[in-house]
Amino acid sequence: MRRLCLAALMLDAAMLAFPRAAGAGDSWQDSYEAKTYENVEGQKLPYRLLKPEKIEPGKRYPLVLLLHGIGERGTDNARQLIHGAGEFAKESNR
């Protein structure tokens, strides 16, 4: 039972550190551009794109894919920013 309570407290702390993107206003979530890929059959796949703040011509940049877990599934294109995405949006990492 103690382990279960500790895990619940840790989850609550994580939710406070990375609030949901929906209605967040001017925050780190706004750094991620909401985009949608559409194939020739008309199927759509929403995704987010975070670019470096300053892009220098001729310089190469890594592509980092963040694969979310089952708890962030959905098509709202905001829930996927709950865990981990805030680290990439920090000024020191961009």
PDB file of N, CA and C in Angstrom:
ATOM      1  N   MET A   1       0.825  -1.199   0.000  1.00  0.00           N
ATOM      2  CA  MET A   1       0.000   0.000   0.000  1.00  0.00           C
ATOM      3  C   MET A   1       0.866   1.260   0.000  1.00  0.00           C
ATOM      4  N   ARG A   2       1.977   1.226   0.720  1.00  0.00           N
ATOM      5  CA  ARG A   2       2.857   2.397   0.762  1.00  0.00           C
ATOM      6  C   ARG A   2       3.422   2.706  -0.615  1.00  0.00           C
ATOM      7  N   ARG A   3       3.774   1.655  -1.356  1.00  0.00           N
ATOM      8  CA  ARG A   3       4.315   1.867  -2.702  1.00  0.00           C
ATOM      9  C   ARG A   3       3.275   2.496  -3.614  1.00  0.00           C
ATOM     10  N   LEU A   4       2.039   2.067  -3.484  1.00  0.00           N
ATOM     11  CA  LEU A   4       0.964   2.616  -4.302  1.00  0.00           C
ATOM     12  C   LEU A   4       0.756   4.099  -4.003  1.00  0.00           C
ATOM     13  N   CYS A   5       0.780   4.477  -2.736  1.00  0.00           N
ATOM     14  CA  CYS A   5       0.617   5.886  -2.359  1.00  0.00           C
ATOM     15  C   CYS A   5       1.773   6.726  -2.869  1.00  0.00           C
ATOM     16  N   LEU A   6       2.988   6.193  -2.775  1.00  0.00           N
ATOM     17  CA  LEU A   6       4.164   6.911  -3.256  1.00  0.00           C
ATOM     18  C   LEU A   6       4.075   7.123  -4.761  1.00  0.00           C
ATOM     19  N   ALA A   7       3.649   6.107  -5.498  1.00  0.00           N
ATOM     20  CA  ALA A   7       3.506   6.233  -6.941  1.00  0.00           C
ATOM     21  C   ALA A   7       2.462   7.289  -7.283  1.00  0.00           C
ATOM     22  N   ALA A   8       1.374   7.347  -6.559  1.00  0.00           N
ATOM     23  CA  ALA A   8       0.333   8.344  -6.807  1.00  0.00           C
ATOM     24  C   ALA A   8       0.851   9.750  -6.552  1.00  0.00           C
ATOM     25  N   LEU A   9       1.639   9.931  -5.511  1.00  0.00           N
ATOM     26  CA  LEU A   9       2.221  11.235  -5.228  1.00  0.00           C
ATOM     27  C   LEU A   9       3.187  11.652  -6.325  1.00  0.00           C
ATOM     28  N   MET A  10       3.973  10.714  -6.821  1.00  0.00           N
ATOM     29  CA  MET A  10       4.912  11.021  -7.895  1.00  0.00           C
ATOM     30  C   MET A  10       4.171  11.417  -9.165  1.00  0.00           C
ATOM     31  N   LEU A  11       3.076  10.745  -9.466  1.00  0.00           N
ATOM     32  CA  LEU A  11       2.286  11.104 -10.646  1.00  0.00           C
ATOM     33  C   LEU A  11       1.700  12.502 -10.508  1.00  0.00           C
ATOM     34  N   ASP A  12       1.200  12.844  -9.326  1.00  0.00           N
ATOM     35  CA  ASP A  12       0.655  14.188  -9.104  1.00  0.00           C
ATOM     36  C   ASP A  12       1.728  15.243  -9.304  1.00  0.00           C
ATOM     37  N   ALA A  13       2.942  14.999  -8.837  1.00  0.00           N
ATOM     38  CA  ALA A  13       4.044  15.954  -9.009  1.00  0.00           C
ATOM     39  C   ALA A  13       4.377  16.117 -10.487  1.00  0.00           C
ATOM     40  N   ALA A  14       4.348  15.026 -11.241  1.00  0.00           N
ATOM     41  CA  ALA A  14       4.631  15.102 -12.679  1.00  0.00           C
ATOM     42  C   ALA A  14       3.566  15.916 -13.400  1.00  0.00           C
ATOM     43  N   MET A  15       2.317  15.771 -13.017  1.00  0.00           N
ATOM     44  CA  MET A  15       1.244  16.516 -13.652  1.00  0.00           C
ATOM     45  C   MET A  15       1.375  18.012 -13.378  1.00  0.00           C
ATOM     46  N   LEU A  16       1.853  18.382 -12.196  1.00  0.00           N
ATOM     47  CA  LEU A  16       2.064  19.791 -11.881  1.00  0.00           C
ATOM     48  C   LEU A  16       3.227  20.362 -12.668  1.00  0.00           C
ATOM     49  N   ALA A  17       4.270  19.562 -12.859  1.00  0.00           N
ATOM     50  CA  ALA A  17       5.450  20.025 -13.582  1.00  0.00           C
ATOM     51  C   ALA A  17       5.169  20.214 -15.066  1.00  0.00           C
ATOM     52  N   PHE A  18       4.281  19.390 -15.627  1.00  0.00           N
ATOM     53  CA  PHE A  18       3.971  19.460 -17.041  1.00  0.00           C
ATOM     54  C   PHE A  18       2.464  19.546 -17.228  1.00  0.00           C
ATOM     55  N   PRO A  19       1.880  20.744 -17.115  1.00  0.00           N
ATOM     56  CA  PRO A  19       0.432  20.882 -17.243  1.00  0.00           C
ATOM     57  C   PRO A  19      -0.045  20.552 -18.655  1.00  0.00           C
ATOM     58  N   ARG A  20      -1.309  20.257 -18.776  1.00  0.00           N
ATOM     59  CA  ARG A  20      -1.896  19.932 -20.076  1.00  0.00           C
ATOM     60  C   ARG A  20      -1.828  21.132 -21.010  1.00  0.00           C
ATOM     61  N   ALA A  21      -1.716  20.858 -22.294  1.00  0.00           N
ATOM     62  CA  ALA A  21      -1.532  21.914 -23.286  1.00  0.00           C
ATOM     63  C   ALA A  21      -2.826  22.668 -23.594  1.00  0.00           C
ATOM     64  N   ALA A  22      -3.949  22.022 -23.496  1.00  0.00           N
ATOM     65  CA  ALA A  22      -5.203  22.653 -23.889  1.00  0.00           C
ATOM     66  C   ALA A  22      -5.476  23.895 -23.055  1.00  0.00           C
ATOM     67  N   GLY A  23      -5.600  25.032 -23.705  1.00  0.00           N
ATOM     68  CA  GLY A  23      -5.915  26.274 -23.026  1.00  0.00           C
ATOM     69  C   GLY A  23      -4.783  26.817 -22.185  1.00  0.00           C
ATOM     70  N   ALA A  24      -3.565  26.409 -22.481  1.00  0.00           N
ATOM     71  CA  ALA A  24      -2.437  26.817 -21.652  1.00  0.00           C
ATOM     72  C   ALA A  24      -2.045  28.274 -21.866  1.00  0.00           C
ATOM     73  N   GLY A  25      -2.454  28.860 -22.983  1.00  0.00           N
ATOM     74  CA  GLY A  25      -2.097  30.254 -23.241  1.00  0.00           C
ATOM     75  C   GLY A  25      -0.650  30.382 -23.672  1.00  0.00           C
ATOM     76  N   ASP A  26      -0.001  31.438 -23.257  1.00  0.00           N
ATOM     77  CA  ASP A  26       1.381  31.685 -23.650  1.00  0.00           C
ATOM     78  C   ASP A  26       2.319  30.883 -22.748  1.00  0.00           C
ATOM     79  N   SER A  27       2.686  29.693 -23.169  1.00  0.00           N
ATOM     80  CA  SER A  27       3.534  28.823 -22.365  1.00  0.00           C
ATOM     81  C   SER A  27       4.432  27.994 -23.271  1.00  0.00           C
ATOM     82  N   TRP A  28       5.184  27.091 -22.667  1.00  0.00           N
ATOM     83  CA  TRP A  28       6.098  26.265 -23.465  1.00  0.00           C
ATOM     84  C   TRP A  28       5.349  25.405 -24.477  1.00  0.00           C
ATOM     85  N   GLN A  29       4.103  25.036 -24.210  1.00  0.00           N
ATOM     86  CA  GLN A  29       3.340  24.222 -25.156  1.00  0.00           C
ATOM     87  C   GLN A  29       3.134  24.954 -26.479  1.00  0.00           C
ATOM     88  N   ASP A  30       3.067  26.278 -26.417  1.00  0.00           N
ATOM     89  CA  ASP A  30       2.870  27.065 -27.625  1.00  0.00           C
ATOM     90  C   ASP A  30       4.094  27.044 -28.542  1.00  0.00           C
ATOM     91  N   SER A  31       5.231  26.590 -28.035  1.00  0.00           N
ATOM     92  CA  SER A  31       6.434  26.460 -28.854  1.00  0.00           C
ATOM     93  C   SER A  31       6.288  25.342 -29.877  1.00  0.00           C
ATOM     94  N   TYR A  32       5.430  24.379 -29.578  1.00  0.00           N
ATOM     95  CA  TYR A  32       5.186  23.256 -30.475  1.00  0.00           C
ATOM     96  C   TYR A  32       4.100  23.630 -31.478  1.00  0.00           C
ATOM     97  N   GLU A  33       4.462  23.671 -32.757  1.00  0.00           N
ATOM     98  CA  GLU A  33       3.485  23.991 -33.803  1.00  0.00           C
ATOM     99  C   GLU A  33       2.567  22.793 -34.009  1.00  0.00           C
ATOM    100  N   ALA A  34       1.266  23.014 -34.022  1.00  0.00           N
ATOM    101  CA  ALA A  34       0.304  21.953 -34.313  1.00  0.00           C
ATOM    102  C   ALA A  34       0.217  21.787 -35.824  1.00  0.00           C
ATOM    103  N   LYS A  35       0.483  20.591 -36.298  1.00  0.00           N
ATOM    104  CA  LYS A  35       0.475  20.293 -37.733  1.00  0.00           C
ATOM    105  C   LYS A  35      -0.359  19.042 -37.975  1.00  0.00           C
ATOM    106  N   THR A  36      -0.701  18.807 -39.229  1.00  0.00           N
ATOM    107  CA  THR A  36      -1.426  17.604 -39.618  1.00  0.00           C
ATOM    108  C   THR A  36      -0.872  17.092 -40.937  1.00  0.00           C
ATOM    109  N   TYR A  37      -0.512  15.821 -40.948  1.00  0.00           N
ATOM    110  CA  TYR A  37      -0.101  15.150 -42.184  1.00  0.00           C
ATOM    111  C   TYR A  37      -1.337  14.479 -42.772  1.00  0.00           C
ATOM    112  N   GLU A  38      -1.535  14.619 -44.089  1.00  0.00           N
ATOM    113  CA  GLU A  38      -2.653  13.959 -44.755  1.00  0.00           C
ATOM    114  C   GLU A  38      -2.130  13.194 -45.960  1.00  0.00           C
ATOM    115  N   ASN A  39      -2.455  11.892 -46.034  1.00  0.00           N
ATOM    116  CA  ASN A  39      -1.999  11.095 -47.169  1.00  0.00           C
ATOM    117  C   ASN A  39      -2.977  11.209 -48.331  1.00  0.00           C
ATOM    118  N   VAL A  40      -2.694  10.509 -49.429  1.00  0.00           N
ATOM    119  CA  VAL A  40      -3.514  10.632 -50.632  1.00  0.00           C
ATOM    120  C   VAL A  40      -4.924  10.083 -50.439  1.00  0.00           C
ATOM    121  N   GLU A  41      -5.118   9.181 -49.476  1.00  0.00           N
ATOM    122  CA  GLU A  41      -6.454   8.650 -49.186  1.00  0.00           C
ATOM    123  C   GLU A  41      -7.250   9.576 -48.269  1.00  0.00           C
ATOM    124  N   GLY A  42      -6.657  10.656 -47.823  1.00  0.00           N
ATOM    125  CA  GLY A  42      -7.352  11.591 -46.954  1.00  0.00           C
ATOM    126  C   GLY A  42      -7.247  11.280 -45.470  1.00  0.00           C
ATOM    127  N   GLN A  43      -6.468  10.250 -45.112  1.00  0.00           N
ATOM    128  CA  GLN A  43      -6.265   9.927 -43.699  1.00  0.00           C
ATOM    129  C   GLN A  43      -5.362  10.990 -43.081  1.00  0.00           C
ATOM    130  N   LYS A  44      -5.721  11.436 -41.878  1.00  0.00           N
ATOM    131  CA  LYS A  44      -4.977  12.521 -41.233  1.00  0.00           C
ATOM    132  C   LYS A  44      -4.247  12.026 -39.993  1.00  0.00           C
ATOM    133  N   LEU A  45      -3.072  12.590 -39.773  1.00  0.00           N
ATOM    134  CA  LEU A  45      -2.260  12.275 -38.604  1.00  0.00           C
ATOM    135  C   LEU A  45      -1.771  13.590 -37.990  1.00  0.00           C
ATOM    136  N   PRO A  46      -2.358  14.013 -36.873  1.00  0.00           N
ATOM    137  CA  PRO A  46      -1.887  15.244 -36.231  1.00  0.00           C
ATOM    138  C   PRO A  46      -0.550  15.007 -35.532  1.00  0.00           C
ATOM    139  N   TYR A  47       0.308  16.013 -35.556  1.00  0.00           N
ATOM    140  CA  TYR A  47       1.595  15.929 -34.885  1.00  0.00           C
ATOM    141  C   TYR A  47       2.029  17.314 -34.437  1.00  0.00           C
ATOM    142  N   ARG A  48       3.072  17.362 -33.639  1.00  0.00           N
ATOM    143  CA  ARG A  48       3.632  18.634 -33.162  1.00  0.00           C
ATOM    144  C   ARG A  48       5.061  18.756 -33.655  1.00  0.00           C
ATOM    145  N   LEU A  49       5.471  19.975 -33.966  1.00  0.00           N
ATOM    146  CA  LEU A  49       6.821  20.247 -34.445  1.00  0.00           C
ATOM    147  C   LEU A  49       7.440  21.352 -33.600  1.00  0.00           C
ATOM    148  N   LEU A  50       8.598  21.056 -33.044  1.00  0.00           N
ATOM    149  CA  LEU A  50       9.357  22.040 -32.274  1.00  0.00           C
ATOM    150  C   LEU A  50      10.664  22.290 -33.013  1.00  0.00           C
ATOM    151  N   LYS A  51      10.834  23.494 -33.496  1.00  0.00           N
ATOM    152  CA  LYS A  51      12.042  23.871 -34.241  1.00  0.00           C
ATOM    153  C   LYS A  51      13.004  24.596 -33.305  1.00  0.00           C
ATOM    154  N   PRO A  52      14.303  24.595 -33.647  1.00  0.00           N
ATOM    155  CA  PRO A  52      15.236  25.423 -32.877  1.00  0.00           C
ATOM    156  C   PRO A  52      14.811  26.888 -32.969  1.00  0.00           C
ATOM    157  N   GLU A  53      15.069  27.664 -31.921  1.00  0.00           N
ATOM    158  CA  GLU A  53      14.680  29.074 -31.943  1.00  0.00           C
ATOM    159  C   GLU A  53      15.406  29.839 -33.039  1.00  0.00           C
ATOM    160  N   LYS A  54      16.655  29.473 -33.278  1.00  0.00           N
ATOM    161  CA  LYS A  54      17.443  30.124 -34.323  1.00  0.00           C
ATOM    162  C   LYS A  54      17.994  29.041 -35.237  1.00  0.00           C
ATOM    163  N   ILE A  55      17.644  29.118 -36.520  1.00  0.00           N
ATOM    164  CA  ILE A  55      18.132  28.145 -37.494  1.00  0.00           C
ATOM    165  C   ILE A  55      19.189  28.823 -38.350  1.00  0.00           C
ATOM    166  N   GLU A  56      20.390  28.271 -38.329  1.00  0.00           N
ATOM    167  CA  GLU A  56      21.497  28.825 -39.097  1.00  0.00           C
ATOM    168  C   GLU A  56      21.605  28.107 -40.438  1.00  0.00           C
ATOM    169  N   PRO A  57      21.699  28.860 -41.535  1.00  0.00           N
ATOM    170  CA  PRO A  57      21.816  28.238 -42.856  1.00  0.00           C
ATOM    171  C   PRO A  57      23.050  27.333 -42.935  1.00  0.00           C
ATOM    172  N   GLY A  58      22.879  26.163 -43.529  1.00  0.00           N
ATOM    173  CA  GLY A  58      23.991  25.229 -43.708  1.00  0.00           C
ATOM    174  C   GLY A  58      24.283  24.355 -42.500  1.00  0.00           C
ATOM    175  N   LYS A  59      23.732  24.675 -41.358  1.00  0.00           N
ATOM    176  CA  LYS A  59      23.962  23.886 -40.156  1.00  0.00           C
ATOM    177  C   LYS A  59      22.968  22.734 -40.103  1.00  0.00           C
ATOM    178  N   ARG A  60      23.431  21.578 -39.667  1.00  0.00           N
ATOM    179  CA  ARG A  60      22.566  20.406 -39.566  1.00  0.00           C
ATOM    180  C   ARG A  60      22.055  20.274 -38.135  1.00  0.00           C
ATOM    181  N   TYR A  61      20.803  19.856 -38.027  1.00  0.00           N
ATOM    182  CA  TYR A  61      20.159  19.702 -36.727  1.00  0.00           C
ATOM    183  C   TYR A  61      19.615  18.288 -36.596  1.00  0.00           C
ATOM    184  N   PRO A  62      19.644  17.740 -35.396  1.00  0.00           N
ATOM    185  CA  PRO A  62      19.106  16.381 -35.212  1.00  0.00           C
ATOM    186  C   PRO A  62      17.581  16.388 -35.221  1.00  0.00           C
ATOM    187  N   LEU A  63      17.008  15.275 -35.618  1.00  0.00           N
ATOM    188  CA  LEU A  63      15.569  15.081 -35.542  1.00  0.00           C
ATOM    189  C   LEU A  63      15.313  14.166 -34.355  1.00  0.00           C
ATOM    190  N   VAL A  64      14.539  14.641 -33.414  1.00  0.00           N
ATOM    191  CA  VAL A  64      14.220  13.866 -32.215  1.00  0.00           C
ATOM    192  C   VAL A  64      12.735  13.532 -32.247  1.00  0.00           C
ATOM    193  N   LEU A  65      12.429  12.250 -32.192  1.00  0.00           N
ATOM    194  CA  LEU A  65      11.037  11.809 -32.144  1.00  0.00           C
ATOM    195  C   LEU A  65      10.706  11.429 -30.718  1.00  0.00           C
ATOM    196  N   LEU A  66       9.616  11.955 -30.217  1.00  0.00           N
ATOM    197  CA  LEU A  66       9.148  11.628 -28.874  1.00  0.00           C
ATOM    198  C   LEU A  66       7.918  10.744 -29.033  1.00  0.00           C
ATOM    199  N   LEU A  67       8.048   9.487 -28.658  1.00  0.00           N
ATOM    200  CA  LEU A  67       6.940   8.548 -28.764  1.00  0.00           C
ATOM    201  C   LEU A  67       6.229   8.498 -27.421  1.00  0.00           C
ATOM    202  N   HIS A  68       4.967   8.839 -27.419  1.00  0.00           N
ATOM    203  CA  HIS A  68       4.210   8.903 -26.173  1.00  0.00           C
ATOM    204  C   HIS A  68       3.698   7.525 -25.773  1.00  0.00           C
ATOM    205  N   GLY A  69       3.290   7.413 -24.544  1.00  0.00           N
ATOM    206  CA  GLY A  69       2.745   6.167 -24.020  1.00  0.00           C
ATOM    207  C   GLY A  69       1.240   6.102 -24.174  1.00  0.00           C
ATOM    208  N   ILE A  70       0.652   5.050 -23.674  1.00  0.00           N
ATOM    209  CA  ILE A  70      -0.778   4.801 -23.829  1.00  0.00           C
ATOM    210  C   ILE A  70      -1.636   5.879 -23.155  1.00  0.00           C
ATOM    211  N   GLY A  71      -1.126   6.475 -22.094  1.00  0.00           N
ATOM    212  CA  GLY A  71      -1.894   7.490 -21.385  1.00  0.00           C
ATOM    213  C   GLY A  71      -2.065   8.782 -22.152  1.00  0.00           C
ATOM    214  N   GLU A  72      -1.260   9.008 -23.170  1.00  0.00           N
ATOM    215  CA  GLU A  72      -1.341  10.232 -23.963  1.00  0.00           C
ATOM    216  C   GLU A  72      -1.954   9.992 -25.338  1.00  0.00           C
ATOM    217  N   ARG A  73      -2.598   8.857 -25.521  1.00  0.00           N
ATOM    218  CA  ARG A  73      -3.198   8.568 -26.832  1.00  0.00           C
ATOM    219  C   ARG A  73      -4.411   9.469 -27.061  1.00  0.00           C
ATOM    220  N   GLY A  74      -4.764   9.600 -28.324  1.00  0.00           N
ATOM    221  CA  GLY A  74      -5.901  10.432 -28.684  1.00  0.00           C
ATOM    222  C   GLY A  74      -5.593  11.254 -29.917  1.00  0.00           C
ATOM    223  N   THR A  75      -6.543  12.018 -30.351  1.00  0.00           N
ATOM    224  CA  THR A  75      -6.364  12.815 -31.566  1.00  0.00           C
ATOM    225  C   THR A  75      -6.476  14.311 -31.307  1.00  0.00           C
ATOM    226  N   ASP A  76      -6.449  14.728 -30.053  1.00  0.00           N
ATOM    227  CA  ASP A  76      -6.589  16.157 -29.757  1.00  0.00           C
ATOM    228  C   ASP A  76      -5.317  16.948 -30.046  1.00  0.00           C
ATOM    229  N   ASN A  77      -4.203  16.264 -30.270  1.00  0.00           N
ATOM    230  CA  ASN A  77      -2.905  16.871 -30.581  1.00  0.00           C
ATOM    231  C   ASN A  77      -2.413  17.791 -29.465  1.00  0.00           C
ATOM    232  N   ALA A  78      -2.866  17.567 -28.255  1.00  0.00           N
ATOM    233  CA  ALA A  78      -2.410  18.348 -27.104  1.00  0.00           C
ATOM    234  C   ALA A  78      -2.007  17.431 -25.950  1.00  0.00           C
ATOM    235  N   ARG A  79      -2.734  16.375 -25.761  1.00  0.00           N
ATOM    236  CA  ARG A  79      -2.481  15.454 -24.651  1.00  0.00           C
ATOM    237  C   ARG A  79      -1.078  14.835 -24.746  1.00  0.00           C
ATOM    238  N   GLN A  80      -0.531  14.744 -25.942  1.00  0.00           N
ATOM    239  CA  GLN A  80       0.772  14.136 -26.153  1.00  0.00           C
ATOM    240  C   GLN A  80       1.919  14.987 -25.583  1.00  0.00           C
ATOM    241  N   LEU A  81       1.624  16.196 -25.174  1.00  0.00           N
ATOM    242  CA  LEU A  81       2.651  17.083 -24.624  1.00  0.00           C
ATOM    243  C   LEU A  81       2.780  16.980 -23.102  1.00  0.00           C
ATOM    244  N   ILE A  82       2.027  16.090 -22.484  1.00  0.00           N
ATOM    245  CA  ILE A  82       1.999  16.030 -21.019  1.00  0.00           C
ATOM    246  C   ILE A  82       3.347  15.646 -20.430  1.00  0.00           C
ATOM    247  N   HIS A  83       3.943  14.571 -20.892  1.00  0.00           N
ATOM    248  CA  HIS A  83       5.163  14.051 -20.267  1.00  0.00           C
ATOM    249  C   HIS A  83       6.371  14.184 -21.198  1.00  0.00           C
ATOM    250  N   GLY A  84       7.411  14.815 -20.723  1.00  0.00           N
ATOM    251  CA  GLY A  84       8.684  14.862 -21.435  1.00  0.00           C
ATOM    252  C   GLY A  84       8.855  16.005 -22.412  1.00  0.00           C
ATOM    253  N   ALA A  85       7.804  16.451 -23.043  1.00  0.00           N
ATOM    254  CA  ALA A  85       7.928  17.479 -24.076  1.00  0.00           C
ATOM    255  C   ALA A  85       8.417  18.809 -23.515  1.00  0.00           C
ATOM    256  N   GLY A  86       8.134  19.093 -22.257  1.00  0.00           N
ATOM    257  CA  GLY A  86       8.571  20.338 -21.634  1.00  0.00           C
ATOM    258  C   GLY A  86      10.081  20.472 -21.573  1.00  0.00           C
ATOM    259  N   GLU A  87      10.779  19.358 -21.444  1.00  0.00           N
ATOM    260  CA  GLU A  87      12.250  19.397 -21.393  1.00  0.00           C
ATOM    261  C   GLU A  87      12.843  19.910 -22.698  1.00  0.00           C
ATOM    262  N   PHE A  88      12.275  19.477 -23.824  1.00  0.00           N
ATOM    263  CA  PHE A  88      12.784  19.910 -25.122  1.00  0.00           C
ATOM    264  C   PHE A  88      12.471  21.372 -25.385  1.00  0.00           C
ATOM    265  N   ALA A  89      11.409  21.900 -24.809  1.00  0.00           N
ATOM    266  CA  ALA A  89      10.999  23.285 -25.042  1.00  0.00           C
ATOM    267  C   ALA A  89      11.768  24.289 -24.198  1.00  0.00           C
ATOM    268  N   LYS A  90      12.533  23.809 -23.229  1.00  0.00           N
ATOM    269  CA  LYS A  90      13.313  24.729 -22.383  1.00  0.00           C
ATOM    270  C   LYS A  90      14.333  25.471 -23.235  1.00  0.00           C
ATOM    271  N   GLU A  91      14.528  26.738 -22.909  1.00  0.00           N
ATOM    272  CA  GLU A  91      15.456  27.586 -23.669  1.00  0.00           C
ATOM    273  C   GLU A  91      16.852  26.965 -23.732  1.00  0.00           C
ATOM    274  N   SER A  92      17.305  26.361 -22.668  1.00  0.00           N
ATOM    275  CA  SER A  92      18.644  25.770 -22.634  1.00  0.00           C
ATOM    276  C   SER A  92      18.788  24.566 -23.558  1.00  0.00           C
ATOM    277  N   ASN A  93      17.692  23.921 -23.928  1.00  0.00           N
ATOM    278  CA  ASN A  93      17.748  22.766 -24.803  1.00  0.00           C
ATOM    279  C   ASN A  93      17.414  23.087 -26.257  1.00  0.00           C
ATOM    280  N   ARG A  94      16.917  24.276 -26.499  1.00  0.00           N
ATOM    281  CA  ARG A  94      16.556  24.638 -27.868  1.00  0.00           C
ATOM    282  C   ARG A  94      17.717  25.310 -28.554  1.00  0.00           C
TER     283      ARG A  94
END
